[in-house]
N, C-alpha and C. Protein backbone atom coordinates (compact mmCIF):
# COMPACT_ATOMS: atom_id res chain seq x y z
N MET A 1 -77.02 -24.29 25.17
CA MET A 1 -75.71 -24.28 26.30
C MET A 1 -74.82 -22.93 25.42
N PRO A 2 -75.10 -21.86 26.60
CA PRO A 2 -74.17 -20.64 26.20
C PRO A 2 -72.66 -21.17 26.33
N PRO A 3 -71.95 -20.32 25.44
CA PRO A 3 -70.50 -20.28 25.42
C PRO A 3 -69.63 -20.28 26.63
N THR A 4 -68.83 -21.36 26.94
CA THR A 4 -68.20 -21.66 28.29
C THR A 4 -66.66 -20.36 28.07
N TYR A 5 -66.53 -19.44 28.73
CA TYR A 5 -65.90 -18.11 28.27
C TYR A 5 -64.48 -18.50 29.34
N ARG A 6 -63.81 -18.22 28.72
CA ARG A 6 -62.01 -18.51 29.64
C ARG A 6 -60.95 -17.64 29.26
N ASP A 7 -59.83 -17.26 29.74
CA ASP A 7 -58.94 -16.72 28.83
C ASP A 7 -57.72 -16.97 27.99
N ASP A 8 -57.85 -18.65 27.97
CA ASP A 8 -56.89 -19.07 26.62
C ASP A 8 -58.27 -19.08 26.26
N PRO A 9 -57.78 -18.98 24.74
CA PRO A 9 -59.00 -19.95 23.60
C PRO A 9 -58.49 -20.89 23.25
N TYR A 10 -59.85 -21.62 23.50
CA TYR A 10 -59.46 -23.54 22.82
C TYR A 10 -58.98 -23.82 21.94
N GLY A 11 -58.76 -24.92 21.76
CA GLY A 11 -57.97 -25.66 20.60
C GLY A 11 -58.77 -26.20 19.50
N GLY A 12 -58.69 -25.89 18.24
CA GLY A 12 -59.68 -26.23 17.23
C GLY A 12 -59.53 -27.65 17.33
N TYR A 13 -58.88 -28.53 17.27
CA TYR A 13 -58.80 -30.09 17.50
C TYR A 13 -59.95 -30.93 18.15
N ASN A 14 -60.70 -30.33 19.07
CA ASN A 14 -61.65 -30.91 19.65
C ASN A 14 -63.24 -30.84 19.48
N PHE A 15 -63.94 -31.61 18.13
CA PHE A 15 -64.85 -31.23 17.90
C PHE A 15 -65.58 -32.23 17.79
N VAL A 16 -67.15 -32.60 17.44
CA VAL A 16 -67.59 -33.66 17.02
C VAL A 16 -69.17 -32.90 16.46
N VAL A 17 -69.40 -33.16 15.50
CA VAL A 17 -70.80 -33.34 14.20
C VAL A 17 -72.14 -34.02 14.41
N THR A 18 -73.49 -33.19 14.76
CA THR A 18 -74.70 -33.91 14.87
C THR A 18 -75.37 -33.62 14.29
N VAL A 19 -76.16 -34.66 13.74
CA VAL A 19 -77.26 -34.25 12.55
C VAL A 19 -78.59 -34.55 13.15
N ASN A 20 -79.75 -33.99 13.20
CA ASN A 20 -80.65 -34.76 13.89
C ASN A 20 -81.47 -35.53 13.19
N GLY A 21 -81.93 -36.46 13.53
CA GLY A 21 -83.28 -37.29 13.03
C GLY A 21 -82.98 -37.96 11.02
N VAL A 22 -81.40 -38.29 10.85
CA VAL A 22 -80.86 -38.77 9.30
C VAL A 22 -80.87 -40.52 9.34
N SER A 23 -81.07 -41.15 10.83
CA SER A 23 -80.58 -42.52 10.51
C SER A 23 -81.58 -43.14 10.05
N ASN A 24 -81.40 -44.42 9.77
CA ASN A 24 -82.72 -45.18 9.96
C ASN A 24 -83.68 -45.11 10.74
N ASP A 25 -83.19 -45.42 11.82
CA ASP A 25 -84.01 -45.36 12.67
C ASP A 25 -84.23 -44.47 13.57
N GLY A 26 -84.41 -43.26 12.94
CA GLY A 26 -85.05 -41.66 12.89
C GLY A 26 -84.03 -40.88 14.56
N GLN A 27 -82.81 -41.25 14.85
CA GLN A 27 -82.11 -40.65 15.97
C GLN A 27 -81.15 -39.90 15.03
N ALA A 28 -80.23 -39.23 15.81
CA ALA A 28 -79.18 -38.23 15.91
C ALA A 28 -78.12 -39.13 15.08
N VAL A 29 -77.01 -38.59 14.31
CA VAL A 29 -75.92 -39.26 13.51
C VAL A 29 -75.11 -38.31 14.19
N ARG A 30 -74.09 -38.83 14.89
CA ARG A 30 -73.08 -38.23 15.44
C ARG A 30 -71.83 -38.40 14.73
N GLY A 31 -70.73 -37.55 13.92
CA GLY A 31 -69.75 -38.16 13.77
C GLY A 31 -68.14 -37.19 14.09
N SER A 32 -67.19 -37.75 14.03
CA SER A 32 -65.94 -37.48 14.08
C SER A 32 -65.39 -37.20 13.13
N PHE A 33 -64.78 -35.40 12.90
CA PHE A 33 -64.23 -35.61 11.43
C PHE A 33 -62.92 -35.00 11.99
N MET A 34 -62.06 -34.44 10.94
CA MET A 34 -60.55 -34.60 11.08
C MET A 34 -60.88 -32.90 10.52
N GLU A 35 -61.80 -32.96 10.05
CA GLU A 35 -62.04 -31.26 9.62
C GLU A 35 -63.20 -30.43 9.71
N ALA A 36 -64.04 -29.48 10.00
CA ALA A 36 -65.40 -28.88 10.15
C ALA A 36 -65.02 -27.05 9.53
N SER A 37 -65.27 -27.00 8.20
CA SER A 37 -64.89 -25.22 7.98
C SER A 37 -66.49 -24.80 7.07
N GLY A 38 -66.48 -23.57 6.89
CA GLY A 38 -67.37 -23.22 6.01
C GLY A 38 -68.55 -22.41 7.62
N LEU A 39 -68.13 -22.24 8.68
CA LEU A 39 -69.04 -22.10 9.30
C LEU A 39 -69.21 -20.03 9.82
N GLU A 40 -69.94 -20.14 8.26
CA GLU A 40 -69.56 -18.23 8.09
C GLU A 40 -70.81 -17.76 7.19
N THR A 41 -71.18 -16.71 7.82
CA THR A 41 -72.56 -15.96 7.37
C THR A 41 -71.91 -14.61 7.28
N GLU A 42 -73.09 -14.20 5.97
CA GLU A 42 -72.71 -12.93 5.67
C GLU A 42 -73.51 -11.96 5.09
N VAL A 43 -73.88 -10.58 5.26
CA VAL A 43 -75.19 -9.77 4.77
C VAL A 43 -74.79 -9.24 4.06
N SER A 44 -74.43 -9.54 2.59
CA SER A 44 -74.23 -8.93 1.54
C SER A 44 -74.62 -7.54 1.17
N PRO A 45 -73.88 -6.44 0.99
CA PRO A 45 -74.32 -4.95 0.76
C PRO A 45 -74.69 -4.75 -0.42
N ILE A 46 -76.22 -4.02 -0.48
CA ILE A 46 -76.80 -3.30 -1.84
C ILE A 46 -76.32 -2.06 -2.00
N GLU A 47 -75.76 -1.89 -2.85
CA GLU A 47 -75.11 -0.50 -3.55
C GLU A 47 -75.91 0.35 -4.50
N TYR A 48 -76.24 1.23 -4.31
CA TYR A 48 -77.32 1.58 -4.67
C TYR A 48 -77.17 3.59 -4.50
N ARG A 49 -77.79 4.40 -5.58
CA ARG A 49 -77.33 5.92 -5.81
C ARG A 49 -78.90 6.90 -6.17
N ASN A 50 -78.79 7.67 -5.28
CA ASN A 50 -80.05 8.87 -6.13
C ASN A 50 -79.25 9.49 -6.87
N GLY A 51 -80.44 9.66 -7.73
CA GLY A 51 -79.64 10.51 -9.11
C GLY A 51 -79.50 12.09 -8.46
N SER A 52 -80.51 12.70 -7.80
CA SER A 52 -79.99 14.16 -6.97
C SER A 52 -78.98 13.94 -6.17
N GLU A 53 -78.51 13.27 -5.98
CA GLU A 53 -77.26 13.48 -5.10
C GLU A 53 -75.85 13.31 -5.68
N ASP A 54 -74.66 13.84 -4.55
CA ASP A 54 -73.78 14.01 -4.99
C ASP A 54 -73.25 12.30 -5.38
N ILE A 55 -72.12 12.67 -6.17
CA ILE A 55 -71.49 10.96 -6.34
C ILE A 55 -70.75 10.08 -5.57
N THR A 56 -71.60 9.48 -4.22
CA THR A 56 -71.31 9.14 -3.75
C THR A 56 -72.21 7.90 -3.46
N VAL A 57 -72.00 7.08 -3.24
CA VAL A 57 -72.58 5.34 -3.05
C VAL A 57 -72.97 5.29 -1.74
N ARG A 58 -74.36 4.93 -1.78
CA ARG A 58 -75.12 4.39 -0.98
C ARG A 58 -75.03 3.03 -0.40
N LYS A 59 -74.54 2.27 0.87
CA LYS A 59 -74.91 0.89 1.15
C LYS A 59 -75.90 0.37 2.28
N ILE A 60 -76.73 -0.82 1.86
CA ILE A 60 -77.56 -1.29 2.79
C ILE A 60 -77.61 -2.20 2.95
N PRO A 61 -78.03 -2.89 3.90
CA PRO A 61 -78.04 -4.69 4.18
C PRO A 61 -78.74 -5.40 3.24
N GLY A 62 -77.90 -5.95 2.85
CA GLY A 62 -78.92 -7.26 1.49
C GLY A 62 -79.43 -8.39 2.55
N LEU A 63 -79.44 -9.54 1.54
CA LEU A 63 -79.83 -10.50 2.07
C LEU A 63 -78.59 -11.33 2.89
N LYS A 64 -78.86 -12.00 3.72
CA LYS A 64 -77.84 -13.01 4.26
C LYS A 64 -78.07 -14.28 3.74
N LYS A 65 -76.66 -14.67 3.77
CA LYS A 65 -76.16 -15.77 2.70
C LYS A 65 -75.39 -16.57 4.14
N PHE A 66 -75.62 -18.45 4.18
CA PHE A 66 -74.65 -18.72 5.08
C PHE A 66 -73.93 -20.08 4.15
N THR A 67 -72.57 -20.11 3.75
CA THR A 67 -71.58 -20.78 3.46
C THR A 67 -71.61 -22.40 3.72
N ASN A 68 -71.72 -23.10 2.91
CA ASN A 68 -71.96 -24.65 3.41
C ASN A 68 -71.00 -24.95 4.16
N ILE A 69 -71.50 -26.32 5.24
CA ILE A 69 -70.29 -26.84 5.79
C ILE A 69 -69.79 -27.81 5.49
N THR A 70 -68.26 -27.87 5.34
CA THR A 70 -67.66 -28.81 4.64
C THR A 70 -67.30 -29.59 5.86
N LEU A 71 -67.35 -30.98 6.07
CA LEU A 71 -67.06 -31.85 6.86
C LEU A 71 -65.56 -32.91 5.81
N LYS A 72 -64.77 -33.29 6.68
CA LYS A 72 -63.84 -34.09 5.70
C LYS A 72 -63.20 -35.48 6.80
N ARG A 73 -63.41 -36.85 6.51
CA ARG A 73 -62.78 -37.46 7.32
C ARG A 73 -62.30 -38.96 6.90
N GLY A 74 -61.59 -39.78 7.45
CA GLY A 74 -60.83 -40.83 7.26
C GLY A 74 -62.47 -41.38 7.25
N ILE A 75 -62.30 -41.95 6.04
CA ILE A 75 -63.47 -43.74 5.73
C ILE A 75 -63.10 -44.83 6.74
N THR A 76 -64.32 -45.11 7.33
CA THR A 76 -64.11 -45.92 8.57
C THR A 76 -65.16 -47.30 8.60
N GLY A 77 -65.98 -46.87 7.35
CA GLY A 77 -67.22 -47.86 7.08
C GLY A 77 -68.36 -47.43 7.54
N ASP A 78 -68.80 -46.31 8.34
CA ASP A 78 -70.01 -45.75 8.59
C ASP A 78 -70.77 -45.15 7.27
N LEU A 79 -71.84 -45.67 7.03
CA LEU A 79 -72.35 -45.39 5.81
C LEU A 79 -74.01 -44.32 6.39
N ALA A 80 -73.71 -44.04 7.93
CA ALA A 80 -75.37 -43.04 7.80
C ALA A 80 -74.69 -41.29 7.50
N PHE A 81 -73.69 -41.04 7.07
CA PHE A 81 -74.07 -39.78 6.08
C PHE A 81 -73.89 -39.88 4.71
N TRP A 82 -73.56 -41.24 3.99
CA TRP A 82 -73.81 -41.54 3.17
C TRP A 82 -75.40 -41.91 2.28
N ASN A 83 -75.67 -43.02 3.53
CA ASN A 83 -77.44 -43.31 2.98
C ASN A 83 -77.82 -41.50 3.06
N TRP A 84 -77.74 -40.51 4.07
CA TRP A 84 -78.87 -39.29 3.64
C TRP A 84 -78.72 -38.80 2.45
N ILE A 85 -76.81 -38.90 1.85
CA ILE A 85 -77.16 -38.28 0.46
C ILE A 85 -77.47 -38.83 -0.33
N VAL A 86 -77.37 -40.74 -0.45
CA VAL A 86 -78.33 -41.09 -1.23
C VAL A 86 -79.55 -40.91 -1.23
N GLU A 87 -80.65 -40.52 -0.57
CA GLU A 87 -81.99 -40.34 -0.07
C GLU A 87 -81.59 -38.72 -1.17
N ALA A 88 -81.11 -38.20 -0.92
CA ALA A 88 -81.10 -37.00 -1.67
C ALA A 88 -81.05 -36.97 -3.11
N MET A 89 -80.11 -38.39 -3.44
CA MET A 89 -79.86 -38.62 -5.13
C MET A 89 -81.07 -39.06 -5.54
N ASN A 90 -82.25 -39.86 -5.12
CA ASN A 90 -82.86 -40.21 -5.46
C ASN A 90 -84.42 -39.16 -5.13
N GLY A 91 -83.82 -37.98 -4.87
CA GLY A 91 -85.40 -37.19 -4.99
C GLY A 91 -85.76 -36.96 -3.54
N GLN A 92 -85.69 -37.63 -2.66
CA GLN A 92 -86.11 -37.93 -1.32
C GLN A 92 -85.03 -36.44 -0.53
N VAL A 93 -84.74 -35.39 -0.79
CA VAL A 93 -83.54 -34.18 0.25
C VAL A 93 -84.72 -34.37 1.57
N GLN A 94 -84.05 -34.99 2.66
CA GLN A 94 -83.99 -34.57 3.87
C GLN A 94 -83.49 -33.71 4.84
N ARG A 95 -84.17 -32.44 5.26
CA ARG A 95 -83.71 -31.51 5.37
C ARG A 95 -83.44 -31.55 6.97
N ALA A 96 -82.46 -31.14 7.77
CA ALA A 96 -82.13 -31.81 9.34
C ALA A 96 -81.23 -30.55 10.01
N GLU A 97 -81.89 -30.48 11.17
CA GLU A 97 -81.09 -29.21 12.19
C GLU A 97 -80.03 -30.17 12.57
N GLY A 98 -78.70 -29.26 12.64
CA GLY A 98 -77.42 -29.80 13.29
C GLY A 98 -76.72 -29.16 13.91
N SER A 99 -75.70 -29.91 14.45
CA SER A 99 -74.41 -28.94 15.26
C SER A 99 -73.33 -29.20 15.37
N VAL A 100 -72.21 -28.22 15.26
CA VAL A 100 -71.07 -28.56 15.30
C VAL A 100 -69.94 -27.88 16.94
N VAL A 101 -69.81 -29.12 17.47
CA VAL A 101 -69.89 -29.05 18.84
C VAL A 101 -68.28 -28.50 19.29
N LEU A 102 -67.71 -27.94 19.52
CA LEU A 102 -66.31 -27.12 20.15
C LEU A 102 -66.10 -28.22 21.29
N LEU A 103 -65.29 -28.80 22.00
CA LEU A 103 -65.42 -29.44 23.17
C LEU A 103 -63.92 -28.74 24.12
N ASP A 104 -64.00 -29.20 25.20
CA ASP A 104 -62.52 -28.29 25.82
C ASP A 104 -61.33 -30.08 26.09
N GLU A 105 -60.86 -29.77 26.69
CA GLU A 105 -59.47 -30.55 26.44
C GLU A 105 -59.65 -31.81 27.37
N ASN A 106 -61.07 -31.43 28.36
CA ASN A 106 -61.67 -32.97 28.91
C ASN A 106 -62.87 -33.43 28.00
N ARG A 107 -63.37 -32.77 26.86
CA ARG A 107 -63.83 -33.92 26.06
C ARG A 107 -64.99 -33.19 26.23
N GLN A 108 -65.52 -32.09 26.64
CA GLN A 108 -66.76 -31.12 27.41
C GLN A 108 -66.99 -30.38 26.65
N GLU A 109 -68.49 -30.09 26.41
CA GLU A 109 -68.75 -28.81 25.48
C GLU A 109 -68.90 -27.72 25.72
N VAL A 110 -68.19 -26.75 25.21
CA VAL A 110 -67.98 -25.63 25.14
C VAL A 110 -68.73 -24.47 24.66
N MET A 111 -69.09 -25.07 23.31
CA MET A 111 -69.34 -24.28 22.46
C MET A 111 -69.98 -25.11 21.06
N ARG A 112 -71.41 -24.51 20.49
CA ARG A 112 -72.03 -25.01 19.87
C ARG A 112 -72.70 -24.28 18.69
N TRP A 113 -72.37 -24.24 16.99
CA TRP A 113 -73.23 -23.91 16.29
C TRP A 113 -73.85 -24.62 15.84
N ASN A 114 -74.85 -24.22 15.64
CA ASN A 114 -76.61 -24.86 15.23
C ASN A 114 -76.56 -24.83 13.80
N PHE A 115 -77.12 -25.36 12.66
CA PHE A 115 -77.37 -24.68 11.40
C PHE A 115 -78.58 -25.52 11.76
N ARG A 116 -79.50 -24.79 10.29
CA ARG A 116 -81.36 -25.01 10.13
C ARG A 116 -81.67 -25.21 8.88
N ARG A 117 -82.41 -26.72 8.69
CA ARG A 117 -82.86 -26.93 7.39
C ARG A 117 -81.41 -26.94 6.58
N GLY A 118 -80.86 -27.89 7.03
CA GLY A 118 -79.75 -28.35 6.33
C GLY A 118 -79.72 -29.79 5.56
N TRP A 119 -79.01 -30.00 4.47
CA TRP A 119 -79.24 -31.18 3.18
C TRP A 119 -77.72 -31.27 2.82
N PRO A 120 -77.81 -32.50 2.53
CA PRO A 120 -76.77 -33.06 1.97
C PRO A 120 -76.38 -32.41 0.52
N SER A 121 -75.45 -31.76 0.21
CA SER A 121 -75.28 -31.58 -1.58
C SER A 121 -74.14 -32.19 -2.38
N LYS A 122 -73.43 -32.40 -1.23
CA LYS A 122 -72.05 -33.10 -1.88
C LYS A 122 -71.56 -33.75 -1.35
N TRP A 123 -71.25 -34.92 -2.04
CA TRP A 123 -70.17 -35.76 -1.35
C TRP A 123 -68.64 -36.07 -1.99
N THR A 124 -67.43 -36.32 -1.46
CA THR A 124 -66.89 -36.93 -2.47
C THR A 124 -65.83 -37.78 -1.61
N GLY A 125 -65.40 -38.61 -2.14
CA GLY A 125 -65.21 -40.20 -2.02
C GLY A 125 -63.63 -39.91 -2.47
N PRO A 126 -62.81 -40.84 -1.54
CA PRO A 126 -60.81 -40.64 -1.58
C PRO A 126 -60.43 -40.65 -3.08
N GLY A 127 -59.24 -40.04 -3.21
CA GLY A 127 -58.38 -40.72 -3.83
C GLY A 127 -57.37 -41.65 -3.93
N LEU A 128 -57.55 -42.27 -4.52
CA LEU A 128 -57.12 -43.88 -4.38
C LEU A 128 -55.66 -44.04 -5.04
N ASN A 129 -54.47 -44.17 -4.75
CA ASN A 129 -53.35 -44.26 -5.17
C ASN A 129 -52.69 -45.07 -4.43
N ALA A 130 -52.22 -46.50 -4.93
CA ALA A 130 -51.15 -47.77 -4.51
C ALA A 130 -49.57 -47.19 -4.19
N ALA A 131 -49.49 -45.55 -4.84
CA ALA A 131 -48.03 -45.19 -4.57
C ALA A 131 -47.92 -44.52 -3.81
N ASN A 132 -49.04 -44.04 -2.85
CA ASN A 132 -48.99 -43.41 -1.65
C ASN A 132 -49.24 -43.82 -0.15
N ASN A 133 -48.65 -43.27 0.32
CA ASN A 133 -49.46 -43.80 2.12
C ASN A 133 -50.39 -41.62 2.97
N GLU A 134 -50.90 -42.46 2.56
CA GLU A 134 -52.23 -41.56 2.97
C GLU A 134 -53.51 -41.90 2.89
N ILE A 135 -54.24 -41.32 3.81
CA ILE A 135 -55.55 -41.82 4.64
C ILE A 135 -56.77 -41.95 3.72
N ALA A 136 -57.73 -42.85 3.50
CA ALA A 136 -58.63 -42.65 2.37
C ALA A 136 -60.05 -41.78 3.19
N MET A 137 -60.37 -40.36 2.42
CA MET A 137 -60.80 -39.79 3.06
C MET A 137 -62.42 -39.32 2.46
N GLU A 138 -62.66 -38.85 2.75
CA GLU A 138 -64.55 -38.38 2.31
C GLU A 138 -64.92 -37.07 2.92
N THR A 139 -65.60 -36.42 1.85
CA THR A 139 -65.99 -35.37 2.20
C THR A 139 -67.40 -34.73 1.63
N LEU A 140 -68.28 -34.32 2.86
CA LEU A 140 -69.61 -34.14 2.73
C LEU A 140 -69.97 -32.63 3.25
N GLU A 141 -70.51 -32.14 2.39
CA GLU A 141 -71.11 -30.89 2.26
C GLU A 141 -72.56 -30.52 2.48
N ILE A 142 -72.89 -30.08 3.62
CA ILE A 142 -74.28 -29.45 3.87
C ILE A 142 -74.43 -27.97 3.69
N CYS A 143 -75.24 -27.91 2.83
CA CYS A 143 -76.18 -26.65 2.15
C CYS A 143 -77.14 -26.67 3.46
N HIS A 144 -77.22 -25.22 4.09
CA HIS A 144 -78.61 -24.82 5.01
C HIS A 144 -78.93 -23.45 5.19
N GLU A 145 -80.04 -22.87 5.90
CA GLU A 145 -80.63 -21.92 5.64
C GLU A 145 -80.44 -21.02 7.14
N GLY A 146 -79.39 -21.43 7.90
CA GLY A 146 -79.63 -20.56 9.33
C GLY A 146 -78.60 -21.22 10.02
N LEU A 147 -77.64 -20.24 10.71
CA LEU A 147 -76.83 -20.56 11.46
C LEU A 147 -76.86 -19.41 12.75
N ASP A 148 -76.53 -19.90 14.03
CA ASP A 148 -76.62 -19.86 15.23
C ASP A 148 -75.56 -20.41 16.05
N ILE A 149 -75.20 -19.73 17.18
CA ILE A 149 -74.63 -20.00 18.48
C ILE A 149 -75.36 -20.19 19.18
N ASP A 150 -75.54 -21.55 19.87
CA ASP A 150 -76.13 -21.86 20.88
C ASP A 150 -76.38 -21.02 22.09
N GLY A 151 -77.24 -20.40 22.88
CA GLY A 151 -77.43 -19.64 23.67
C GLY A 151 -77.44 -18.08 23.68
N GLN A 152 -77.38 -18.10 22.76
CA GLN A 152 -77.50 -16.47 22.04
C GLN A 152 -78.61 -15.93 21.04
N GLY A 153 -79.50 -15.34 21.80
CA GLY A 153 -80.90 -15.05 21.19
C GLY A 153 -81.71 -16.20 20.53
């Protein structure tokens, strides 16, 4: 689905994350998270200089890199993402396609970032402290090999 355009920007608080084929029954796992970050890509420059030229450094495009996607949410007892990383810890890394989907105020999809060949590289459990009044949070980091916006090339 191509992005839906409007004059006012969308809020960054309505989104859902889907990872395809990592549940026990082979279906997509869908989760609501408090925060999703790392929707980034970079083409690193390669700097070089020919010996016969003046002292100017030339720059050409190098390798493309994708930042890990970091997801944070309150612990609810849903173990689907935990089981995915357990498989990776046991040497059975399961790469998957997935999406971070931005929703409008009516919870309708307006934009989708798709990642390719993703796998869980890090899970962080909650910091527990009986003296504070905070939600028990877990963090999942997904490394991947490609990012695109749905509907774009």
